[in-house]
């Protein structure tokens, strides 16, 4: 097995597991906040503010974890181009 491919796959799995933990904690804490709010202050509903703010953070966490699927081909092309530029800079053209 290719060591680099293994490390990339392992990093993606760890990132995915971290995201899943984040989702579970998000749901548990926000359910607690909903119950707390509705049980003690029915006339003043506030639980949606932390849910909304944390939800944006959760969305971006998920985006960062799963965006490699959409961006990996583009990223690989950019890396290849950069390596080609570096190779051209090291070996100047003949006759120049």
PDB file of N, CA and C in Angstrom:
ATOM      1  N   UNK A   1       0.849  -1.185   0.000  1.00  0.00           N
ATOM      2  CA  UNK A   1       0.000   0.000   0.000  1.00  0.00           C
ATOM      3  C   UNK A   1       0.889   1.240   0.000  1.00  0.00           C
ATOM      4  N   UNK A   2       0.475   2.210  -0.760  1.00  0.00           N
ATOM      5  CA  UNK A   2       1.209   3.470  -0.840  1.00  0.00           C
ATOM      6  C   UNK A   2       1.083   4.222   0.487  1.00  0.00           C
ATOM      7  N   UNK A   3       2.218   4.566   1.073  1.00  0.00           N
ATOM      8  CA  UNK A   3       2.236   5.217   2.395  1.00  0.00           C
ATOM      9  C   UNK A   3       1.537   6.574   2.378  1.00  0.00           C
ATOM     10  N   UNK A   4       1.735   7.349   1.327  1.00  0.00           N
ATOM     11  CA  UNK A   4       1.108   8.676   1.240  1.00  0.00           C
ATOM     12  C   UNK A   4      -0.405   8.544   1.135  1.00  0.00           C
ATOM     13  N   UNK A   5      -0.873   7.612   0.299  1.00  0.00           N
ATOM     14  CA  UNK A   5      -2.314   7.401   0.152  1.00  0.00           C
ATOM     15  C   UNK A   5      -2.928   6.946   1.472  1.00  0.00           C
ATOM     16  N   UNK A   6      -2.202   6.083   2.184  1.00  0.00           N
ATOM     17  CA  UNK A   6      -2.684   5.616   3.487  1.00  0.00           C
ATOM     18  C   UNK A   6      -2.820   6.780   4.464  1.00  0.00           C
ATOM     19  N   UNK A   7      -1.808   7.637   4.511  1.00  0.00           N
ATOM     20  CA  UNK A   7      -1.860   8.790   5.433  1.00  0.00           C
ATOM     21  C   UNK A   7      -3.003   9.731   5.080  1.00  0.00           C
ATOM     22  N   UNK A   8      -3.213   9.963   3.791  1.00  0.00           N
ATOM     23  CA  UNK A   8      -4.328  10.834   3.375  1.00  0.00           C
ATOM     24  C   UNK A   8      -5.666  10.231   3.787  1.00  0.00           C
ATOM     25  N   UNK A   9      -5.827   8.938   3.522  1.00  0.00           N
ATOM     26  CA  UNK A   9      -7.085   8.270   3.879  1.00  0.00           C
ATOM     27  C   UNK A   9      -7.297   8.297   5.386  1.00  0.00           C
ATOM     28  N   UNK A  10      -6.238   8.043   6.147  1.00  0.00           N
ATOM     29  CA  UNK A  10      -6.346   8.071   7.607  1.00  0.00           C
ATOM     30  C   UNK A  10      -6.738   9.456   8.103  1.00  0.00           C
ATOM     31  N   UNK A  11      -6.146  10.501   7.526  1.00  0.00           N
ATOM     32  CA  UNK A  11      -6.483  11.872   7.927  1.00  0.00           C
ATOM     33  C   UNK A  11      -7.943  12.188   7.610  1.00  0.00           C
ATOM     34  N   UNK A  12      -8.430  11.724   6.458  1.00  0.00           N
ATOM     35  CA  UNK A  12      -9.838  11.962   6.104  1.00  0.00           C
ATOM     36  C   UNK A  12     -10.769  11.238   7.059  1.00  0.00           C
ATOM     37  N   UNK A  13     -10.427  10.004   7.426  1.00  0.00           N
ATOM     38  CA  UNK A  13     -11.261   9.243   8.371  1.00  0.00           C
ATOM     39  C   UNK A  13     -11.277   9.932   9.728  1.00  0.00           C
ATOM     40  N   UNK A  14     -10.128  10.381  10.205  1.00  0.00           N
ATOM     41  CA  UNK A  14     -10.075  11.077  11.493  1.00  0.00           C
ATOM     42  C   UNK A  14     -10.873  12.374  11.448  1.00  0.00           C
ATOM     43  N   UNK A  15     -10.804  13.092  10.336  1.00  0.00           N
ATOM     44  CA  UNK A  15     -11.587  14.320  10.206  1.00  0.00           C
ATOM     45  C   UNK A  15     -13.078  14.016  10.212  1.00  0.00           C
ATOM     46  N   UNK A  16     -13.473  12.949   9.524  1.00  0.00           N
ATOM     47  CA  UNK A  16     -14.880  12.559   9.490  1.00  0.00           C
ATOM     48  C   UNK A  16     -15.374  12.161  10.881  1.00  0.00           C
ATOM     49  N   UNK A  17     -14.568  11.395  11.617  1.00  0.00           N
ATOM     50  CA  UNK A  17     -14.958  11.013  12.977  1.00  0.00           C
ATOM     51  C   UNK A  17     -15.050  12.225  13.897  1.00  0.00           C
ATOM     52  N   UNK A  18     -14.160  13.178  13.732  1.00  0.00           N
ATOM     53  CA  UNK A  18     -14.238  14.415  14.500  1.00  0.00           C
ATOM     54  C   UNK A  18     -15.510  15.186  14.196  1.00  0.00           C
ATOM     55  N   UNK A  19     -15.910  15.195  12.932  1.00  0.00           N
ATOM     56  CA  UNK A  19     -17.157  15.867  12.557  1.00  0.00           C
ATOM     57  C   UNK A  19     -18.356  15.160  13.176  1.00  0.00           C
ATOM     58  N   UNK A  20     -18.355  13.825  13.146  1.00  0.00           N
ATOM     59  CA  UNK A  20     -19.468  13.081  13.748  1.00  0.00           C
ATOM     60  C   UNK A  20     -19.579  13.367  15.241  1.00  0.00           C
ATOM     61  N   UNK A  21     -18.437  13.433  15.936  1.00  0.00           N
ATOM     62  CA  UNK A  21     -18.459  13.788  17.366  1.00  0.00           C
ATOM     63  C   UNK A  21     -19.050  15.186  17.556  1.00  0.00           C
ATOM     64  N   UNK A  22     -18.663  16.104  16.690  1.00  0.00           N
ATOM     65  CA  UNK A  22     -19.172  17.474  16.763  1.00  0.00           C
ATOM     66  C   UNK A  22     -20.692  17.481  16.607  1.00  0.00           C
ATOM     67  N   UNK A  23     -21.219  16.691  15.675  1.00  0.00           N
ATOM     68  CA  UNK A  23     -22.670  16.629  15.456  1.00  0.00           C
ATOM     69  C   UNK A  23     -23.386  16.080  16.690  1.00  0.00           C
ATOM     70  N   UNK A  24     -22.851  15.011  17.260  1.00  0.00           N
ATOM     71  CA  UNK A  24     -23.484  14.405  18.438  1.00  0.00           C
ATOM     72  C   UNK A  24     -23.500  15.390  19.600  1.00  0.00           C
ATOM     73  N   UNK A  25     -22.392  16.066  19.831  1.00  0.00           N
ATOM     74  CA  UNK A  25     -22.327  17.048  20.922  1.00  0.00           C
ATOM     75  C   UNK A  25     -23.270  18.213  20.645  1.00  0.00           C
ATOM     76  N   UNK A  26     -23.333  18.663  19.398  1.00  0.00           N
ATOM     77  CA  UNK A  26     -24.240  19.747  19.004  1.00  0.00           C
ATOM     78  C   UNK A  26     -25.690  19.379  19.331  1.00  0.00           C
ATOM     79  N   UNK A  27     -26.102  18.193  18.929  1.00  0.00           N
ATOM     80  CA  UNK A  27     -27.481  17.759  19.168  1.00  0.00           C
ATOM     81  C   UNK A  27     -27.754  17.636  20.664  1.00  0.00           C
ATOM     82  N   UNK A  28     -26.859  17.008  21.394  1.00  0.00           N
ATOM     83  CA  UNK A  28     -27.081  16.800  22.829  1.00  0.00           C
ATOM     84  C   UNK A  28     -27.165  18.128  23.581  1.00  0.00           C
ATOM     85  N   UNK A  29     -26.234  19.013  23.341  1.00  0.00           N
ATOM     86  CA  UNK A  29     -26.218  20.292  24.058  1.00  0.00           C
ATOM     87  C   UNK A  29     -27.435  21.130  23.685  1.00  0.00           C
ATOM     88  N   UNK A  30     -27.784  21.144  22.407  1.00  0.00           N
ATOM     89  CA  UNK A  30     -28.922  21.972  22.009  1.00  0.00           C
ATOM     90  C   UNK A  30     -30.248  21.404  22.481  1.00  0.00           C
ATOM     91  N   UNK A  31     -30.372  20.090  22.559  1.00  0.00           N
ATOM     92  CA  UNK A  31     -31.583  19.527  23.170  1.00  0.00           C
ATOM     93  C   UNK A  31     -31.681  19.936  24.635  1.00  0.00           C
ATOM     94  N   UNK A  32     -30.555  19.903  25.337  1.00  0.00           N
ATOM     95  CA  UNK A  32     -30.529  20.356  26.729  1.00  0.00           C
ATOM     96  C   UNK A  32     -30.939  21.824  26.831  1.00  0.00           C
ATOM     97  N   UNK A  33     -30.417  22.665  25.936  1.00  0.00           N
ATOM     98  CA  UNK A  33     -30.768  24.091  25.974  1.00  0.00           C
ATOM     99  C   UNK A  33     -32.244  24.326  25.669  1.00  0.00           C
ATOM    100  N   UNK A  34     -32.793  23.556  24.742  1.00  0.00           N
ATOM    101  CA  UNK A  34     -34.217  23.691  24.414  1.00  0.00           C
ATOM    102  C   UNK A  34     -35.066  23.340  25.634  1.00  0.00           C
ATOM    103  N   UNK A  35     -34.759  22.207  26.259  1.00  0.00           N
ATOM    104  CA  UNK A  35     -35.517  21.788  27.449  1.00  0.00           C
ATOM    105  C   UNK A  35     -35.365  22.817  28.567  1.00  0.00           C
ATOM    106  N   UNK A  36     -34.148  23.263  28.797  1.00  0.00           N
ATOM    107  CA  UNK A  36     -33.890  24.258  29.836  1.00  0.00           C
ATOM    108  C   UNK A  36     -34.672  25.537  29.572  1.00  0.00           C
ATOM    109  N   UNK A  37     -34.638  26.019  28.362  1.00  0.00           N
ATOM    110  CA  UNK A  37     -35.319  27.262  28.019  1.00  0.00           C
ATOM    111  C   UNK A  37     -36.835  27.122  28.152  1.00  0.00           C
ATOM    112  N   UNK A  38     -37.395  26.080  27.584  1.00  0.00           N
ATOM    113  CA  UNK A  38     -38.858  25.934  27.587  1.00  0.00           C
ATOM    114  C   UNK A  38     -39.398  25.559  28.965  1.00  0.00           C
ATOM    115  N   UNK A  39     -38.589  24.975  29.781  1.00  0.00           N
ATOM    116  CA  UNK A  39     -39.042  24.609  31.120  1.00  0.00           C
ATOM    117  C   UNK A  39     -39.046  25.801  32.082  1.00  0.00           C
ATOM    118  N   UNK A  40     -38.059  26.701  31.927  1.00  0.00           N
ATOM    119  CA  UNK A  40     -37.919  27.788  32.894  1.00  0.00           C
ATOM    120  C   UNK A  40     -38.365  29.153  32.378  1.00  0.00           C
ATOM    121  N   UNK A  41     -38.302  29.381  31.102  1.00  0.00           N
ATOM    122  CA  UNK A  41     -38.639  30.707  30.563  1.00  0.00           C
ATOM    123  C   UNK A  41     -39.469  30.578  29.291  1.00  0.00           C
ATOM    124  N   UNK A  42     -40.668  30.118  29.388  1.00  0.00           N
ATOM    125  CA  UNK A  42     -41.504  29.917  28.205  1.00  0.00           C
ATOM    126  C   UNK A  42     -41.821  31.230  27.479  1.00  0.00           C
ATOM    127  N   UNK A  43     -41.904  32.308  28.200  1.00  0.00           N
ATOM    128  CA  UNK A  43     -42.251  33.590  27.586  1.00  0.00           C
ATOM    129  C   UNK A  43     -41.065  34.221  26.851  1.00  0.00           C
ATOM    130  N   UNK A  44     -39.862  33.775  27.136  1.00  0.00           N
ATOM    131  CA  UNK A  44     -38.668  34.326  26.487  1.00  0.00           C
ATOM    132  C   UNK A  44     -37.867  33.172  25.873  1.00  0.00           C
ATOM    133  N   UNK A  45     -38.046  32.996  24.567  1.00  0.00           N
ATOM    134  CA  UNK A  45     -37.374  31.890  23.870  1.00  0.00           C
ATOM    135  C   UNK A  45     -36.038  32.398  23.349  1.00  0.00           C
ATOM    136  N   UNK A  46     -34.948  31.739  23.769  1.00  0.00           N
ATOM    137  CA  UNK A  46     -33.611  32.166  23.371  1.00  0.00           C
ATOM    138  C   UNK A  46     -32.744  31.039  22.826  1.00  0.00           C
ATOM    139  N   UNK A  47     -33.226  29.796  22.926  1.00  0.00           N
ATOM    140  CA  UNK A  47     -32.364  28.659  22.586  1.00  0.00           C
ATOM    141  C   UNK A  47     -31.910  28.658  21.135  1.00  0.00           C
ATOM    142  N   UNK A  48     -32.651  29.303  20.251  1.00  0.00           N
ATOM    143  CA  UNK A  48     -32.280  29.257  18.832  1.00  0.00           C
ATOM    144  C   UNK A  48     -31.036  30.085  18.521  1.00  0.00           C
ATOM    145  N   UNK A  49     -30.669  31.043  19.365  1.00  0.00           N
ATOM    146  CA  UNK A  49     -29.461  31.843  19.090  1.00  0.00           C
ATOM    147  C   UNK A  49     -28.183  31.015  19.179  1.00  0.00           C
ATOM    148  N   UNK A  50     -27.955  30.299  20.284  1.00  0.00           N
ATOM    149  CA  UNK A  50     -26.751  29.450  20.288  1.00  0.00           C
ATOM    150  C   UNK A  50     -26.834  28.336  19.243  1.00  0.00           C
ATOM    151  N   UNK A  51     -28.045  27.840  18.979  1.00  0.00           N
ATOM    152  CA  UNK A  51     -28.209  26.800  17.974  1.00  0.00           C
ATOM    153  C   UNK A  51     -27.827  27.324  16.592  1.00  0.00           C
ATOM    154  N   UNK A  52     -28.220  28.542  16.305  1.00  0.00           N
ATOM    155  CA  UNK A  52     -27.915  29.136  15.008  1.00  0.00           C
ATOM    156  C   UNK A  52     -26.414  29.406  14.857  1.00  0.00           C
ATOM    157  N   UNK A  53     -25.821  30.023  15.870  1.00  0.00           N
ATOM    158  CA  UNK A  53     -24.389  30.320  15.795  1.00  0.00           C
ATOM    159  C   UNK A  53     -23.540  29.066  15.700  1.00  0.00           C
ATOM    160  N   UNK A  54     -23.827  28.108  16.540  1.00  0.00           N
ATOM    161  CA  UNK A  54     -23.078  26.856  16.524  1.00  0.00           C
ATOM    162  C   UNK A  54     -23.371  26.086  15.239  1.00  0.00           C
ATOM    163  N   UNK A  55     -24.593  26.213  14.741  1.00  0.00           N
ATOM    164  CA  UNK A  55     -24.963  25.545  13.485  1.00  0.00           C
ATOM    165  C   UNK A  55     -24.125  26.032  12.311  1.00  0.00           C
ATOM    166  N   UNK A  56     -23.836  27.337  12.279  1.00  0.00           N
ATOM    167  CA  UNK A  56     -22.948  27.846  11.224  1.00  0.00           C
ATOM    168  C   UNK A  56     -21.561  27.214  11.347  1.00  0.00           C
ATOM    169  N   UNK A  57     -21.057  27.137  12.571  1.00  0.00           N
ATOM    170  CA  UNK A  57     -19.760  26.498  12.779  1.00  0.00           C
ATOM    171  C   UNK A  57     -19.776  25.032  12.381  1.00  0.00           C
ATOM    172  N   UNK A  58     -20.841  24.330  12.700  1.00  0.00           N
ATOM    173  CA  UNK A  58     -20.979  22.930  12.336  1.00  0.00           C
ATOM    174  C   UNK A  58     -21.039  22.765  10.822  1.00  0.00           C
ATOM    175  N   UNK A  59     -21.761  23.656  10.152  1.00  0.00           N
ATOM    176  CA  UNK A  59     -21.835  23.617   8.691  1.00  0.00           C
ATOM    177  C   UNK A  59     -20.450  23.742   8.076  1.00  0.00           C
ATOM    178  N   UNK A  60     -19.667  24.717   8.539  1.00  0.00           N
ATOM    179  CA  UNK A  60     -18.328  24.921   7.971  1.00  0.00           C
ATOM    180  C   UNK A  60     -17.386  23.782   8.332  1.00  0.00           C
ATOM    181  N   UNK A  61     -17.562  23.195   9.499  1.00  0.00           N
ATOM    182  CA  UNK A  61     -16.768  22.027   9.849  1.00  0.00           C
ATOM    183  C   UNK A  61     -17.060  20.894   8.851  1.00  0.00           C
ATOM    184  N   UNK A  62     -18.333  20.654   8.589  1.00  0.00           N
ATOM    185  CA  UNK A  62     -18.710  19.633   7.608  1.00  0.00           C
ATOM    186  C   UNK A  62     -18.203  19.969   6.217  1.00  0.00           C
ATOM    187  N   UNK A  63     -18.272  21.228   5.851  1.00  0.00           N
ATOM    188  CA  UNK A  63     -17.768  21.649   4.539  1.00  0.00           C
ATOM    189  C   UNK A  63     -16.281  21.336   4.413  1.00  0.00           C
ATOM    190  N   UNK A  64     -15.517  21.652   5.452  1.00  0.00           N
ATOM    191  CA  UNK A  64     -14.083  21.374   5.416  1.00  0.00           C
ATOM    192  C   UNK A  64     -13.784  19.883   5.378  1.00  0.00           C
ATOM    193  N   UNK A  65     -14.602  19.084   6.037  1.00  0.00           N
ATOM    194  CA  UNK A  65     -14.365  17.640   6.060  1.00  0.00           C
ATOM    195  C   UNK A  65     -14.698  17.004   4.710  1.00  0.00           C
ATOM    196  N   UNK A  66     -15.785  17.415   4.087  1.00  0.00           N
ATOM    197  CA  UNK A  66     -16.251  16.749   2.873  1.00  0.00           C
ATOM    198  C   UNK A  66     -15.915  17.473   1.573  1.00  0.00           C
ATOM    199  N   UNK A  67     -15.313  18.645   1.641  1.00  0.00           N
ATOM    200  CA  UNK A  67     -15.033  19.390   0.407  1.00  0.00           C
ATOM    201  C   UNK A  67     -13.914  18.780  -0.415  1.00  0.00           C
ATOM    202  N   UNK A  68     -13.091  17.886   0.175  1.00  0.00           N
ATOM    203  CA  UNK A  68     -12.023  17.265  -0.599  1.00  0.00           C
ATOM    204  C   UNK A  68     -12.595  16.504  -1.796  1.00  0.00           C
ATOM    205  N   UNK A  69     -13.810  16.018  -1.682  1.00  0.00           N
ATOM    206  CA  UNK A  69     -14.426  15.280  -2.780  1.00  0.00           C
ATOM    207  C   UNK A  69     -14.601  16.159  -4.014  1.00  0.00           C
ATOM    208  N   UNK A  70     -14.875  17.431  -3.800  1.00  0.00           N
ATOM    209  CA  UNK A  70     -15.103  18.342  -4.917  1.00  0.00           C
ATOM    210  C   UNK A  70     -13.825  19.035  -5.345  1.00  0.00           C
ATOM    211  N   UNK A  71     -12.914  19.259  -4.418  1.00  0.00           N
ATOM    212  CA  UNK A  71     -11.736  20.062  -4.705  1.00  0.00           C
ATOM    213  C   UNK A  71     -10.460  19.268  -4.933  1.00  0.00           C
ATOM    214  N   UNK A  72     -10.480  17.964  -4.699  1.00  0.00           N
ATOM    215  CA  UNK A  72      -9.228  17.209  -4.756  1.00  0.00           C
ATOM    216  C   UNK A  72      -8.648  17.177  -6.166  1.00  0.00           C
ATOM    217  N   UNK A  73      -9.470  17.030  -7.191  1.00  0.00           N
ATOM    218  CA  UNK A  73      -8.949  16.990  -8.562  1.00  0.00           C
ATOM    219  C   UNK A  73      -8.323  18.334  -8.927  1.00  0.00           C
ATOM    220  N   UNK A  74      -8.983  19.422  -8.571  1.00  0.00           N
ATOM    221  CA  UNK A  74      -8.451  20.753  -8.852  1.00  0.00           C
ATOM    222  C   UNK A  74      -7.148  20.979  -8.085  1.00  0.00           C
ATOM    223  N   UNK A  75      -7.128  20.560  -6.837  1.00  0.00           N
ATOM    224  CA  UNK A  75      -5.930  20.714  -6.006  1.00  0.00           C
ATOM    225  C   UNK A  75      -4.776  19.911  -6.594  1.00  0.00           C
ATOM    226  N   UNK A  76      -5.049  18.689  -7.040  1.00  0.00           N
ATOM    227  CA  UNK A  76      -3.998  17.868  -7.645  1.00  0.00           C
ATOM    228  C   UNK A  76      -3.446  18.510  -8.915  1.00  0.00           C
ATOM    229  N   UNK A  77      -4.312  19.107  -9.732  1.00  0.00           N
ATOM    230  CA  UNK A  77      -3.844  19.800 -10.948  1.00  0.00           C
ATOM    231  C   UNK A  77      -2.969  20.995 -10.593  1.00  0.00           C
ATOM    232  N   UNK A  78      -3.359  21.744  -9.556  1.00  0.00           N
ATOM    233  CA  UNK A  78      -2.564  22.900  -9.142  1.00  0.00           C
ATOM    234  C   UNK A  78      -1.192  22.460  -8.625  1.00  0.00           C
ATOM    235  N   UNK A  79      -1.160  21.373  -7.871  1.00  0.00           N
ATOM    236  CA  UNK A  79       0.115  20.856  -7.368  1.00  0.00           C
ATOM    237  C   UNK A  79       0.996  20.425  -8.528  1.00  0.00           C
ATOM    238  N   UNK A  80       0.411  19.731  -9.508  1.00  0.00           N
ATOM    239  CA  UNK A  80       1.178  19.285 -10.672  1.00  0.00           C
ATOM    240  C   UNK A  80       1.750  20.473 -11.432  1.00  0.00           C
ATOM    241  N   UNK A  81       0.948  21.515 -11.644  1.00  0.00           N
ATOM    242  CA  UNK A  81       1.436  22.717 -12.334  1.00  0.00           C
ATOM    243  C   UNK A  81       2.573  23.382 -11.573  1.00  0.00           C
ATOM    244  N   UNK A  82       2.428  23.435 -10.248  1.00  0.00           N
ATOM    245  CA  UNK A  82       3.469  24.058  -9.438  1.00  0.00           C
ATOM    246  C   UNK A  82       4.770  23.263  -9.512  1.00  0.00           C
ATOM    247  N   UNK A  83       4.664  21.948  -9.512  1.00  0.00           N
ATOM    248  CA  UNK A  83       5.855  21.112  -9.644  1.00  0.00           C
ATOM    249  C   UNK A  83       6.513  21.307 -11.016  1.00  0.00           C
ATOM    250  N   UNK A  84       5.704  21.467 -12.055  1.00  0.00           N
ATOM    251  CA  UNK A  84       6.257  21.707 -13.394  1.00  0.00           C
ATOM    252  C   UNK A  84       6.947  23.064 -13.459  1.00  0.00           C
ATOM    253  N   UNK A  85       6.368  24.076 -12.851  1.00  0.00           N
ATOM    254  CA  UNK A  85       7.014  25.397 -12.813  1.00  0.00           C
ATOM    255  C   UNK A  85       8.345  25.340 -12.085  1.00  0.00           C
ATOM    256  N   UNK A  86       8.349  24.618 -10.981  1.00  0.00           N
ATOM    257  CA  UNK A  86       9.575  24.476 -10.210  1.00  0.00           C
ATOM    258  C   UNK A  86      10.648  23.757 -11.023  1.00  0.00           C
ATOM    259  N   UNK A  87      10.261  22.727 -11.750  1.00  0.00           N
ATOM    260  CA  UNK A  87      11.222  21.989 -12.579  1.00  0.00           C
ATOM    261  C   UNK A  87      11.763  22.882 -13.689  1.00  0.00           C
ATOM    262  N   UNK A  88      10.912  23.708 -14.298  1.00  0.00           N
ATOM    263  CA  UNK A  88      11.380  24.616 -15.364  1.00  0.00           C
ATOM    264  C   UNK A  88      12.326  25.665 -14.801  1.00  0.00           C
ATOM    265  N   UNK A  89      12.069  26.127 -13.592  1.00  0.00           N
ATOM    266  CA  UNK A  89      12.930  27.149 -12.989  1.00  0.00           C
ATOM    267  C   UNK A  89      14.303  26.580 -12.646  1.00  0.00           C
ATOM    268  N   UNK A  90      14.361  25.323 -12.314  1.00  0.00           N
ATOM    269  CA  UNK A  90      15.656  24.707 -11.976  1.00  0.00           C
ATOM    270  C   UNK A  90      16.490  24.414 -13.212  1.00  0.00           C
ATOM    271  N   UNK A  91      15.856  24.046 -14.288  1.00  0.00           N
ATOM    272  CA  UNK A  91      16.571  23.665 -15.515  1.00  0.00           C
ATOM    273  C   UNK A  91      16.217  24.648 -16.621  1.00  0.00           C
ATOM    274  N   UNK A  92      17.019  25.720 -16.750  1.00  0.00           N
ATOM    275  CA  UNK A  92      16.725  26.699 -17.804  1.00  0.00           C
ATOM    276  C   UNK A  92      16.825  26.075 -19.196  1.00  0.00           C
ATOM    277  N   UNK A  93      16.104  26.676 -20.121  1.00  0.00           N
ATOM    278  CA  UNK A  93      16.070  26.154 -21.507  1.00  0.00           C
ATOM    279  C   UNK A  93      17.437  26.322 -22.155  1.00  0.00           C
ATOM    280  N   UNK A  94      17.731  25.422 -23.058  1.00  0.00           N
ATOM    281  CA  UNK A  94      19.005  25.459 -23.779  1.00  0.00           C
ATOM    282  C   UNK A  94      19.021  26.646 -24.722  1.00  0.00           C
ATOM    283  N   UNK A  95      20.178  27.294 -24.853  1.00  0.00           N
ATOM    284  CA  UNK A  95      20.326  28.410 -25.779  1.00  0.00           C
ATOM    285  C   UNK A  95      19.905  29.741 -25.203  1.00  0.00           C
ATOM    286  N   UNK A  96      19.570  29.782 -23.971  1.00  0.00           N
ATOM    287  CA  UNK A  96      19.133  31.060 -23.375  1.00  0.00           C
ATOM    288  C   UNK A  96      20.312  31.740 -22.731  1.00  0.00           C
TER     289      UNK A  96
END
